Amino acid sequence: MPATVLVCDDDSAIRTVLNQALGRAGYDVRTTGTAAGLWRWISAGDGNLVITDVVLPDESGFDLIPRIKRQRPDLPVVVMSAQNTLLTAITAAERGAFEYLPKPFDLKELTSVVGRALVSPQTKRDTNLEAAEERLPLIVSGQRLVLASWSARCHEWTLLSIHRRWPDGPLWARRCRTGGRAARCDPRRP
């Protein structure tokens, strides 16, 4: 039986595109334009993954995430938004989202995120250190900055924001293929 993906976006074109793309990838997809519709499915125990927009007509997607996590803590939530800011990405991580996708996004990236979310051990972890690191977008320890997320794009935005604020600071970055582990960027060159 295929995994069920619950999609919530007030834009019918986005819902149609996601329905088609995820359906072709083999998932059972349900779409709604409201948080209330999504909440009915979640309360009934439906779905293996939620993809939600931040701006919805009846409730903020950010306010919905903690409610989802209280009702169904193992249900991964992917947040998407046209508000492509670092603050949006950080808020999504702080609220407990599995991933943040800025609009417009690549459909290959979306299906990759969906696949990772559905097989992620995050849904089985509660208190170990790795889970705690993945919920925090930034961890500062002495001279080391750890960017913890699944998304290389989030790492890139964070580094760019830091660089814009401190353009002469001793920061260098290395592109990392981490497979979901935290990538580390150290101000000292290797």
Protein backbone atom coordinates (compact mmCIF):
# COMPACT_ATOMS: atom_id res chain seq x y z
CA MET A 1 0.00 0.00 0.00
CA PRO A 2 1.52 3.37 -0.99
CA ALA A 3 2.22 6.08 1.58
CA THR A 4 -0.40 8.81 1.83
CA VAL A 5 0.80 12.41 1.50
CA LEU A 6 -1.51 15.14 2.80
CA VAL A 7 -1.02 18.42 0.92
CA CYS A 8 -2.40 21.73 2.21
CA ASP A 9 -2.04 24.87 0.09
CA ASP A 10 -4.53 27.61 -0.69
CA ASP A 11 -3.23 27.82 -4.29
CA SER A 12 -5.10 25.27 -6.44
CA ALA A 13 -2.31 25.26 -9.05
CA ILE A 14 0.25 24.19 -6.42
CA ARG A 15 -2.12 21.48 -5.19
CA THR A 16 -2.58 20.19 -8.74
CA VAL A 17 1.16 20.13 -9.48
CA LEU A 18 1.97 18.36 -6.21
CA ASN A 19 -0.86 15.88 -6.71
CA GLN A 20 0.43 14.98 -10.18
CA ALA A 21 4.13 14.87 -9.28
CA LEU A 22 3.69 12.82 -6.11
CA GLY A 23 1.08 10.59 -7.75
CA ARG A 24 3.57 9.79 -10.54
CA ALA A 25 6.14 8.98 -7.85
CA GLY A 26 3.77 6.33 -6.49
CA TYR A 27 2.22 8.10 -3.52
CA ASP A 28 -1.45 8.37 -2.61
CA VAL A 29 -2.07 12.14 -2.46
CA ARG A 30 -4.89 14.07 -0.80
CA THR A 31 -5.11 17.82 -1.21
CA THR A 32 -6.97 20.57 0.60
CA GLY A 33 -6.93 24.37 0.59
CA THR A 34 -7.53 24.87 4.31
CA ALA A 35 -5.95 23.99 7.63
CA ALA A 36 -9.35 22.76 8.84
CA GLY A 37 -9.50 20.19 6.04
CA LEU A 38 -5.97 19.04 6.81
CA TRP A 39 -6.72 18.84 10.52
CA ARG A 40 -9.75 16.56 9.91
CA TRP A 41 -7.49 14.05 8.15
CA ILE A 42 -4.77 14.27 10.80
CA SER A 43 -7.29 13.85 13.64
CA ALA A 44 -8.69 10.77 11.90
CA GLY A 45 -5.20 9.25 11.77
CA ASP A 46 -4.89 9.59 8.00
CA GLY A 47 -1.65 10.27 6.15
CA ASN A 48 2.01 9.35 6.49
CA LEU A 49 3.36 12.82 5.66
CA VAL A 50 2.07 16.40 5.64
CA ILE A 51 3.16 19.07 3.17
CA THR A 52 1.73 22.46 4.12
CA ASP A 53 2.05 26.06 3.07
CA VAL A 54 2.74 28.66 5.75
CA VAL A 55 0.04 31.11 4.68
CA LEU A 56 -3.40 29.49 4.71
CA PRO A 57 -6.80 31.21 4.71
CA ASP A 58 -7.90 29.91 8.11
CA GLU A 59 -4.68 29.35 10.09
CA SER A 60 -0.93 29.73 9.84
CA GLY A 61 0.93 26.57 8.85
CA PHE A 62 3.40 27.43 11.62
CA ASP A 63 0.61 27.31 14.23
CA LEU A 64 -0.56 24.00 12.82
CA ILE A 65 2.79 22.20 13.27
CA PRO A 66 2.80 22.09 17.11
CA ARG A 67 -0.80 20.83 17.09
CA ILE A 68 0.17 18.10 14.64
CA LYS A 69 3.18 17.15 16.76
CA ARG A 70 1.03 16.91 19.91
CA GLN A 71 -1.61 14.73 18.20
CA ARG A 72 0.75 12.66 16.02
CA PRO A 73 4.40 13.16 17.01
CA ASP A 74 5.68 10.67 14.43
CA LEU A 75 4.03 12.42 11.47
CA PRO A 76 6.67 14.33 9.48
CA VAL A 77 5.69 17.81 8.31
CA VAL A 78 7.27 19.56 5.32
CA VAL A 79 6.68 23.31 5.17
CA MET A 80 6.68 25.27 1.93
CA SER A 81 6.44 29.01 1.51
CA ALA A 82 6.83 31.80 -1.01
CA GLN A 83 8.28 33.87 1.85
CA ASN A 84 11.87 32.86 1.08
CA THR A 85 13.59 34.24 4.15
CA LEU A 86 16.01 32.83 6.66
CA LEU A 87 13.50 33.59 9.41
CA THR A 88 10.88 31.42 7.68
CA ALA A 89 13.33 28.51 7.46
CA ILE A 90 14.38 28.91 11.10
CA THR A 91 10.77 29.17 12.30
CA ALA A 92 9.89 25.99 10.43
CA ALA A 93 12.79 24.16 12.09
CA GLU A 94 11.93 25.53 15.54
CA ARG A 95 8.30 24.45 15.21
CA GLY A 96 9.37 20.91 14.37
CA ALA A 97 9.13 20.72 10.60
CA PHE A 98 11.07 17.93 8.94
CA GLU A 99 12.08 20.24 6.08
CA TYR A 100 11.44 23.68 4.63
CA LEU A 101 10.99 24.12 0.88
CA PRO A 102 10.96 27.65 -0.54
CA LYS A 103 8.65 28.28 -3.49
CA PRO A 104 9.27 27.83 -6.31
CA PHE A 105 10.92 24.46 -5.73
CA ASP A 106 12.20 21.75 -8.00
CA LEU A 107 9.88 18.75 -8.20
CA LYS A 108 12.85 16.36 -8.03
CA GLU A 109 13.90 18.03 -4.79
CA LEU A 110 10.35 17.72 -3.48
CA THR A 111 10.12 14.00 -4.23
CA SER A 112 13.55 13.50 -2.67
CA VAL A 113 12.44 15.28 0.52
CA VAL A 114 9.22 13.24 0.61
CA GLY A 115 11.18 10.01 0.24
CA ARG A 116 13.59 10.98 3.04
CA ALA A 117 10.76 12.04 5.32
CA LEU A 118 8.94 8.77 4.88
CA VAL A 119 11.99 6.60 5.66
CA SER A 120 13.56 8.94 8.20
CA PRO A 121 14.50 7.57 11.59
CA GLN A 122 13.40 10.97 12.93
CA THR A 123 9.93 9.53 13.32
CA LYS A 124 11.34 6.87 15.65
CA ARG A 125 13.66 9.06 17.74
CA ASP A 126 12.59 10.96 20.79
CA THR A 127 15.43 12.10 23.00
CA ASN A 128 18.78 11.29 21.42
CA LEU A 129 21.29 14.02 20.60
CA GLU A 130 20.99 13.64 16.83
CA ALA A 131 17.27 14.48 16.98
CA ALA A 132 17.98 17.52 19.14
CA GLU A 133 20.62 18.75 16.69
CA GLU A 134 18.27 18.39 13.74
CA ARG A 135 15.62 20.56 15.40
CA LEU A 136 18.08 23.40 15.96
CA PRO A 137 19.11 25.26 12.83
CA LEU A 138 22.19 26.84 14.47
CA ILE A 139 24.44 25.61 17.24
CA VAL A 140 27.38 27.78 18.27
CA SER A 141 30.18 26.20 20.26
CA GLY A 142 33.34 28.21 20.81
CA GLN A 143 34.77 28.93 17.38
CA ARG A 144 32.57 26.37 15.62
CA LEU A 145 29.21 27.00 13.97
CA VAL A 146 27.09 23.94 13.26
CA LEU A 147 24.24 24.26 10.78
CA ALA A 148 21.84 21.44 11.47
CA SER A 149 19.18 20.63 8.91
CA TRP A 150 18.50 18.28 6.03
CA SER A 151 18.66 21.06 3.48
CA ALA A 152 21.85 22.28 1.85
CA ARG A 153 19.79 25.27 0.71
CA CYS A 154 19.07 26.19 4.34
CA HIS A 155 22.81 25.97 5.08
CA GLU A 156 23.57 28.19 2.12
CA TRP A 157 21.00 30.82 3.14
CA THR A 158 22.30 30.85 6.69
CA LEU A 159 25.89 31.31 5.56
CA LEU A 160 24.91 34.06 3.14
CA SER A 161 22.99 35.87 5.88
CA ILE A 162 25.97 35.66 8.23
CA HIS A 163 28.31 36.84 5.51
CA ARG A 164 26.06 39.83 4.66
CA ARG A 165 25.99 40.87 8.30
CA TRP A 166 29.75 40.40 8.84
CA PRO A 167 31.31 40.67 5.35
CA ASP A 168 34.85 40.90 6.73
CA GLY A 169 34.39 38.11 9.25
CA PRO A 170 36.56 34.98 9.24
CA LEU A 171 34.00 32.71 7.62
CA TRP A 172 34.54 30.10 4.97
CA ALA A 173 32.19 27.43 3.77
CA ARG A 174 32.60 24.02 2.26
CA ARG A 175 29.84 22.27 0.32
CA CYS A 176 29.00 19.10 2.21
CA ARG A 177 27.10 15.99 1.21
CA THR A 178 25.90 14.98 4.63
CA GLY A 179 23.09 12.51 4.07
CA GLY A 180 21.01 14.25 6.71
CA ARG A 181 23.74 14.80 9.29
CA ALA A 182 24.73 18.24 10.52
CA ALA A 183 27.25 20.00 8.32
CA ARG A 184 29.98 21.96 10.07
CA CYS A 185 31.52 25.18 8.91
CA ASP A 186 34.55 26.26 10.91
CA PRO A 187 35.93 29.83 10.75
CA ARG A 188 39.45 28.36 10.68
CA ARG A 189 40.59 27.02 7.33
CA PRO A 190 41.52 23.30 7.28
